[in-house]
C-alpha atoms as a PDB file:
ATOM      1  CA  MET A   1      -0.696  30.242   4.123  1.00  0.00           C
ATOM      2  CA  LEU A   2      -0.112  28.083   1.044  1.00  0.00           C
ATOM      3  CA  SER A   3      -3.006  27.448  -1.306  1.00  0.00           C
ATOM      4  CA  LEU A   4      -4.109  23.912  -2.126  1.00  0.00           C
ATOM      5  CA  ARG A   5      -2.710  24.271  -5.665  1.00  0.00           C
ATOM      6  CA  LYS A   6       0.730  25.211  -4.321  1.00  0.00           C
ATOM      7  CA  LEU A   7       0.669  22.350  -1.816  1.00  0.00           C
ATOM      8  CA  VAL A   8      -0.161  19.858  -4.575  1.00  0.00           C
ATOM      9  CA  PHE A   9       2.610  21.268  -6.783  1.00  0.00           C
ATOM     10  CA  LEU A  10       5.170  21.071  -3.961  1.00  0.00           C
ATOM     11  CA  GLY A  11       4.089  17.515  -3.153  1.00  0.00           C
ATOM     12  CA  ILE A  12       4.468  16.374  -6.761  1.00  0.00           C
ATOM     13  CA  PHE A  13       7.798  18.189  -7.136  1.00  0.00           C
ATOM     14  CA  GLY A  14       9.097  16.607  -3.942  1.00  0.00           C
ATOM     15  CA  LEU A  15       7.939  13.173  -5.061  1.00  0.00           C
ATOM     16  CA  LEU A  16       9.650  13.468  -8.435  1.00  0.00           C
ATOM     17  CA  LEU A  17      12.821  14.902  -6.907  1.00  0.00           C
ATOM     18  CA  GLY A  18      12.895  12.243  -4.234  1.00  0.00           C
ATOM     19  CA  ASN A  19      12.713   9.503  -6.856  1.00  0.00           C
ATOM     20  CA  SER A  20      15.453  10.783  -9.121  1.00  0.00           C
ATOM     21  CA  PRO A  21      18.618   8.646  -9.205  1.00  0.00           C
ATOM     22  CA  ALA A  22      20.555  11.243  -7.238  1.00  0.00           C
ATOM     23  CA  PHE A  23      18.169  11.041  -4.298  1.00  0.00           C
ATOM     24  CA  ALA A  24      16.688   7.536  -4.523  1.00  0.00           C
ATOM     25  CA  GLN A  25      19.482   6.063  -2.399  1.00  0.00           C
ATOM     26  CA  PHE A  26      17.854   7.538   0.706  1.00  0.00           C
ATOM     27  CA  SER A  27      15.124   5.377   2.220  1.00  0.00           C
ATOM     28  CA  SER A  28      13.371   8.449   3.586  1.00  0.00           C
ATOM     29  CA  ILE A  29      13.879  12.182   3.852  1.00  0.00           C
ATOM     30  CA  PHE A  30      15.664  11.485   7.133  1.00  0.00           C
ATOM     31  CA  GLY A  31      18.089   8.950   5.622  1.00  0.00           C
ATOM     32  CA  SER A  32      18.560   5.355   6.656  1.00  0.00           C
ATOM     33  CA  ASP A  33      19.058   4.531  10.324  1.00  0.00           C
ATOM     34  CA  LYS A  34      20.594   1.123   9.490  1.00  0.00           C
ATOM     35  CA  THR A  35      24.240   0.253   8.950  1.00  0.00           C
ATOM     36  CA  VAL A  36      25.525  -0.808   5.532  1.00  0.00           C
ATOM     37  CA  ALA A  37      25.755  -4.416   6.742  1.00  0.00           C
ATOM     38  CA  GLN A  38      22.162  -4.321   8.010  1.00  0.00           C
ATOM     39  CA  GLN A  39      20.893  -2.845   4.735  1.00  0.00           C
ATOM     40  CA  ARG A  40      22.714  -5.532   2.738  1.00  0.00           C
ATOM     41  CA  GLU A  41      21.316  -8.329   4.895  1.00  0.00           C
ATOM     42  CA  GLU A  42      17.801  -6.890   4.604  1.00  0.00           C
ATOM     43  CA  ILE A  43      18.076  -6.842   0.804  1.00  0.00           C
ATOM     44  CA  LEU A  44      19.459 -10.423   0.718  1.00  0.00           C
ATOM     45  CA  LYS A  45      16.620 -11.601   2.969  1.00  0.00           C
ATOM     46  CA  LYS A  46      14.070  -9.910   0.710  1.00  0.00           C
ATOM     47  CA  ASN A  47      15.783 -11.527  -2.289  1.00  0.00           C
ATOM     48  CA  ARG A  48      15.248 -15.004  -0.823  1.00  0.00           C
ATOM     49  CA  GLU A  49      11.597 -14.231  -0.040  1.00  0.00           C
ATOM     50  CA  ILE A  50      10.932 -12.929  -3.557  1.00  0.00           C
ATOM     51  CA  LEU A  51      12.505 -15.999  -5.177  1.00  0.00           C
ATOM     52  CA  GLN A  52      10.478 -18.398  -3.042  1.00  0.00           C
ATOM     53  CA  ARG A  53       7.291 -16.512  -3.858  1.00  0.00           C
ATOM     54  CA  LEU A  54       8.118 -16.564  -7.581  1.00  0.00           C
ATOM     55  CA  TYR A  55       8.808 -20.317  -7.536  1.00  0.00           C
ATOM     56  CA  LYS A  56       5.522 -20.952  -5.748  1.00  0.00           C
ATOM     57  CA  THR A  57       3.569 -18.702  -8.111  1.00  0.00           C
ATOM     58  CA  GLU A  58       5.233 -19.898 -11.323  1.00  0.00           C
ATOM     59  CA  PRO A  59       7.152 -23.197 -10.885  1.00  0.00           C
ATOM     60  CA  SER A  60       8.782 -23.049 -14.342  1.00  0.00           C
ATOM     61  CA  SER A  61      10.665 -19.931 -13.218  1.00  0.00           C
ATOM     62  CA  LYS A  62      12.943 -22.085 -11.063  1.00  0.00           C
ATOM     63  CA  THR A  63      14.349 -23.786 -14.160  1.00  0.00           C
ATOM     64  CA  ALA A  64      14.910 -20.396 -15.790  1.00  0.00           C
ATOM     65  CA  VAL A  65      16.852 -19.142 -12.758  1.00  0.00           C
ATOM     66  CA  GLU A  66      18.855 -22.358 -12.372  1.00  0.00           C
ATOM     67  CA  ASN A  67      19.938 -22.235 -16.040  1.00  0.00           C
ATOM     68  CA  ALA A  68      20.855 -18.540 -15.918  1.00  0.00           C
ATOM     69  CA  VAL A  69      24.212 -16.789 -15.726  1.00  0.00           C
ATOM     70  CA  ALA A  70      22.790 -14.609 -12.949  1.00  0.00           C
ATOM     71  CA  TYR A  71      19.539 -13.251 -11.609  1.00  0.00           C
ATOM     72  CA  ALA A  72      18.351 -10.114  -9.821  1.00  0.00           C
ATOM     73  CA  THR A  73      15.430  -9.292  -7.566  1.00  0.00           C
ATOM     74  CA  PHE A  74      14.012  -5.839  -6.861  1.00  0.00           C
ATOM     75  CA  SER A  75      11.336  -4.676  -4.478  1.00  0.00           C
ATOM     76  CA  ASN A  76       9.522  -1.471  -5.393  1.00  0.00           C
ATOM     77  CA  PHE A  77       7.108   0.858  -3.642  1.00  0.00           C
ATOM     78  CA  GLY A  78       5.467   3.709  -5.497  1.00  0.00           C
ATOM     79  CA  MET A  79       2.570   6.107  -5.485  1.00  0.00           C
ATOM     80  CA  LYS A  80       0.716   8.339  -7.900  1.00  0.00           C
ATOM     81  CA  ILE A  81      -0.860  11.653  -6.954  1.00  0.00           C
ATOM     82  CA  LEU A  82      -3.068  13.381  -9.550  1.00  0.00           C
ATOM     83  CA  ILE A  83      -0.898  13.912 -12.663  1.00  0.00           C
ATOM     84  CA  ALA A  84       2.475  12.529 -11.634  1.00  0.00           C
ATOM     85  CA  GLY A  85       3.967   9.756  -9.618  1.00  0.00           C
ATOM     86  CA  GLY A  86       6.977   7.609  -9.064  1.00  0.00           C
ATOM     87  CA  GLY A  87       8.570   4.935  -7.024  1.00  0.00           C
ATOM     88  CA  SER A  88      11.846   3.723  -5.694  1.00  0.00           C
ATOM     89  CA  GLY A  89      13.258   0.431  -4.624  1.00  0.00           C
ATOM     90  CA  SER A  90      16.335  -1.646  -4.044  1.00  0.00           C
ATOM     91  CA  GLY A  91      17.612  -4.986  -5.183  1.00  0.00           C
ATOM     92  CA  VAL A  92      20.543  -7.269  -5.682  1.00  0.00           C
ATOM     93  CA  VAL A  93      22.209  -9.095  -8.556  1.00  0.00           C
ATOM     94  CA  ILE A  94      23.376 -12.624  -7.748  1.00  0.00           C
ATOM     95  CA  SER A  95      25.890 -14.077 -10.195  1.00  0.00           C
ATOM     96  CA  LYS A  96      26.401 -17.836 -10.534  1.00  0.00           C
ATOM     97  CA  ASN A  97      30.196 -17.475 -10.797  1.00  0.00           C
ATOM     98  CA  GLY A  98      30.574 -16.847  -7.067  1.00  0.00           C
ATOM     99  CA  THR A  99      31.340 -13.130  -7.196  1.00  0.00           C
ATOM    100  CA  LYS A 100      29.984 -10.848  -4.482  1.00  0.00           C
ATOM    101  CA  PRO A 101      26.359  -9.707  -4.726  1.00  0.00           C
ATOM    102  CA  ILE A 102      25.914  -6.372  -6.487  1.00  0.00           C
ATOM    103  CA  TYR A 103      23.466  -4.084  -4.727  1.00  0.00           C
ATOM    104  CA  MET A 104      21.375  -1.817  -6.923  1.00  0.00           C
ATOM    105  CA  ASP A 105      18.669   0.833  -6.731  1.00  0.00           C
ATOM    106  CA  MET A 106      15.746   1.605  -8.964  1.00  0.00           C
ATOM    107  CA  ALA A 107      13.812   4.808  -9.577  1.00  0.00           C
ATOM    108  CA  GLU A 108      10.598   5.233 -11.518  1.00  0.00           C
ATOM    109  CA  VAL A 109       8.789   8.305 -12.830  1.00  0.00           C
ATOM    110  CA  GLN A 110       5.270   8.084 -14.237  1.00  0.00           C
ATOM    111  CA  ALA A 111       2.954  10.513 -15.954  1.00  0.00           C
ATOM    112  CA  GLY A 112      -0.790  10.434 -16.357  1.00  0.00           C
ATOM    113  CA  VAL A 113      -3.839  11.072 -14.221  1.00  0.00           C
ATOM    114  CA  GLY A 114      -4.385   8.791 -11.273  1.00  0.00           C
ATOM    115  CA  LEU A 115      -4.268   8.256  -7.563  1.00  0.00           C
ATOM    116  CA  GLY A 116      -3.000   5.215  -5.734  1.00  0.00           C
ATOM    117  CA  VAL A 117      -0.234   3.237  -4.101  1.00  0.00           C
ATOM    118  CA  LYS A 118       1.405   0.140  -5.528  1.00  0.00           C
ATOM    119  CA  SER A 119       4.100  -2.315  -4.594  1.00  0.00           C
ATOM    120  CA  PHE A 120       5.638  -5.028  -6.711  1.00  0.00           C
ATOM    121  CA  GLN A 121       8.726  -7.164  -7.141  1.00  0.00           C
ATOM    122  CA  ASN A 122      10.728  -7.534 -10.351  1.00  0.00           C
ATOM    123  CA  ILE A 123      12.863 -10.584 -11.060  1.00  0.00           C
ATOM    124  CA  PHE A 124      15.414 -10.488 -13.870  1.00  0.00           C
ATOM    125  CA  VAL A 125      16.979 -13.644 -15.303  1.00  0.00           C
ATOM    126  CA  PHE A 126      20.222 -13.101 -17.235  1.00  0.00           C
ATOM    127  CA  GLN A 127      20.781 -15.749 -19.881  1.00  0.00           C
ATOM    128  CA  THR A 128      24.035 -14.277 -21.177  1.00  0.00           C
ATOM    129  CA  GLN A 129      27.044 -12.537 -19.659  1.00  0.00           C
ATOM    130  CA  THR A 130      26.559  -9.664 -22.093  1.00  0.00           C
ATOM    131  CA  ALA A 131      23.031  -9.026 -20.822  1.00  0.00           C
ATOM    132  CA  LEU A 132      24.319  -9.109 -17.237  1.00  0.00           C
ATOM    133  CA  ASN A 133      27.194  -6.710 -17.954  1.00  0.00           C
ATOM    134  CA  ASP A 134      24.894  -4.284 -19.764  1.00  0.00           C
ATOM    135  CA  PHE A 135      22.438  -4.269 -16.868  1.00  0.00           C
ATOM    136  CA  ILE A 136      25.079  -3.722 -14.179  1.00  0.00           C
ATOM    137  CA  ASN A 137      27.462  -1.352 -15.901  1.00  0.00           C
ATOM    138  CA  SER A 138      25.252   0.763 -18.139  1.00  0.00           C
ATOM    139  CA  GLY A 139      22.594   1.875 -15.654  1.00  0.00           C
ATOM    140  CA  TRP A 140      19.909   0.014 -17.581  1.00  0.00           C
ATOM    141  CA  THR A 141      16.570   1.726 -18.223  1.00  0.00           C
ATOM    142  CA  PHE A 142      13.295  -0.067 -18.909  1.00  0.00           C
ATOM    143  CA  GLY A 143      11.306   2.221 -21.143  1.00  0.00           C
ATOM    144  CA  GLY A 144       8.081   0.431 -22.058  1.00  0.00           C
ATOM    145  CA  GLN A 145       5.497  -2.048 -20.986  1.00  0.00           C
ATOM    146  CA  THR A 146       4.417  -5.369 -22.424  1.00  0.00           C
ATOM    147  CA  THR A 147       2.089  -8.205 -21.580  1.00  0.00           C
ATOM    148  CA  VAL A 148       3.100 -11.620 -20.337  1.00  0.00           C
ATOM    149  CA  ALA A 149       0.474 -13.320 -22.495  1.00  0.00           C
ATOM    150  CA  ALA A 150       3.120 -14.148 -25.086  1.00  0.00           C
ATOM    151  CA  LYS A 151       5.129 -16.633 -23.058  1.00  0.00           C
ATOM    152  CA  TYR A 152       8.842 -16.922 -23.644  1.00  0.00           C
ATOM    153  CA  GLU A 153      10.019 -20.126 -25.334  1.00  0.00           C
ATOM    154  CA  LYS A 154      13.529 -21.367 -26.055  1.00  0.00           C
ATOM    155  CA  ASP A 155      14.632 -24.834 -27.128  1.00  0.00           C
ATOM    156  CA  GLY A 156      11.112 -26.119 -26.606  1.00  0.00           C
ATOM    157  CA  ALA A 157      10.984 -24.999 -22.974  1.00  0.00           C
ATOM    158  CA  ALA A 158       8.298 -22.510 -22.054  1.00  0.00           C
ATOM    159  CA  TYR A 159       8.776 -20.061 -19.205  1.00  0.00           C
ATOM    160  CA  ALA A 160       5.239 -18.970 -18.502  1.00  0.00           C
ATOM    161  CA  GLY A 161       4.851 -15.465 -17.152  1.00  0.00           C
ATOM    162  CA  ALA A 162       8.234 -14.242 -18.381  1.00  0.00           C
ATOM    163  CA  VAL A 163       8.840 -11.552 -20.967  1.00  0.00           C
ATOM    164  CA  VAL A 164      11.954 -10.706 -22.927  1.00  0.00           C
ATOM    165  CA  ALA A 165      12.986  -7.326 -21.521  1.00  0.00           C
ATOM    166  CA  ALA A 166      16.157  -7.174 -23.645  1.00  0.00           C
ATOM    167  CA  PRO A 167      18.291  -9.660 -25.609  1.00  0.00           C
ATOM    168  CA  GLY A 168      19.322 -12.393 -23.179  1.00  0.00           C
ATOM    169  CA  LEU A 169      17.210 -10.944 -20.360  1.00  0.00           C
ATOM    170  CA  LEU A 170      13.936 -12.380 -19.045  1.00  0.00           C
ATOM    171  CA  MET A 171      11.710 -10.528 -16.603  1.00  0.00           C
ATOM    172  CA  TYR A 172       8.979 -11.558 -14.167  1.00  0.00           C
ATOM    173  CA  GLN A 173       6.853  -9.176 -12.124  1.00  0.00           C
ATOM    174  CA  LEU A 174       4.987 -10.100  -8.938  1.00  0.00           C
ATOM    175  CA  THR A 175       2.190  -8.016  -7.452  1.00  0.00           C
ATOM    176  CA  ASP A 176       0.178  -8.477  -4.275  1.00  0.00           C
ATOM    177  CA  SER A 177      -2.226 -10.710  -6.207  1.00  0.00           C
ATOM    178  CA  GLY A 178       0.403 -12.880  -7.914  1.00  0.00           C
ATOM    179  CA  LEU A 179       2.157 -12.845 -11.272  1.00  0.00           C
ATOM    180  CA  ALA A 180       1.421  -9.617 -13.147  1.00  0.00           C
ATOM    181  CA  ALA A 181      -0.847  -9.941 -16.168  1.00  0.00           C
ATOM    182  CA  GLU A 182       0.923  -6.903 -17.620  1.00  0.00           C
ATOM    183  CA  ILE A 183       4.473  -5.959 -16.776  1.00  0.00           C
ATOM    184  CA  THR A 184       4.836  -2.242 -16.224  1.00  0.00           C
ATOM    185  CA  GLY A 185       8.198  -0.540 -16.228  1.00  0.00           C
ATOM    186  CA  LYS A 186       7.833   2.794 -17.983  1.00  0.00           C
ATOM    187  CA  GLY A 187      10.611   5.198 -17.087  1.00  0.00           C
ATOM    188  CA  THR A 188      12.337   2.829 -14.648  1.00  0.00           C
ATOM    189  CA  LYS A 189      16.075   3.205 -14.144  1.00  0.00           C
ATOM    190  CA  TYR A 190      18.287   0.546 -12.541  1.00  0.00           C
ATOM    191  CA  TYR A 191      21.757   1.497 -11.291  1.00  0.00           C
ATOM    192  CA  LYS A 192      24.447   0.471  -8.787  1.00  0.00           C
ATOM    193  CA  ASP A 193      24.085   1.600  -5.193  1.00  0.00           C
ATOM    194  CA  SER A 194      27.256   3.555  -4.460  1.00  0.00           C
ATOM    195  CA  ASP A 195      26.881   3.144  -0.698  1.00  0.00           C
ATOM    196  CA  LEU A 196      26.264  -0.595  -0.490  1.00  0.00           C
ATOM    197  CA  ASN A 197      28.869  -1.849  -2.975  1.00  0.00           C
END
């Protein structure tokens, strides 16, 4: 019979392994029971819901999205057990030039003591084609965290609640209680979904 210490170690190891980029494409340890078309439609539906919620929560975000080259929405679910944790999620990049949606995955690994479950949605607004290309093609990684208190301003227009995640890239984060007071993205990797594209 396994000791409690071994069970905790195996649970943490499994959580970290399951949230690595190589394994994050699977929705569960049993794999997805939905077709590719069904998974795409589910992600597109979630995308529409996230955008509507963002617009309702922060109306100025609609102008940011409308003036963008492209935007992306991601839905994440994660948990932390004792000293380690992680999360995984999926999303889609919608370009304004009429190209097909690009389906992407995200994986997150966290360190530190804690216990809990969290879910949130990230919305990225690409102001330049370069920022969009870097995000899609380079497997972009968000390595820090910042607060949204310093609102983003350009040409006199303020986008409250947005942060500059990279040059030409704005980011919003929604939690269950609304717009996040602090955007958290430590150790989060975004990359193309090889099965859905």
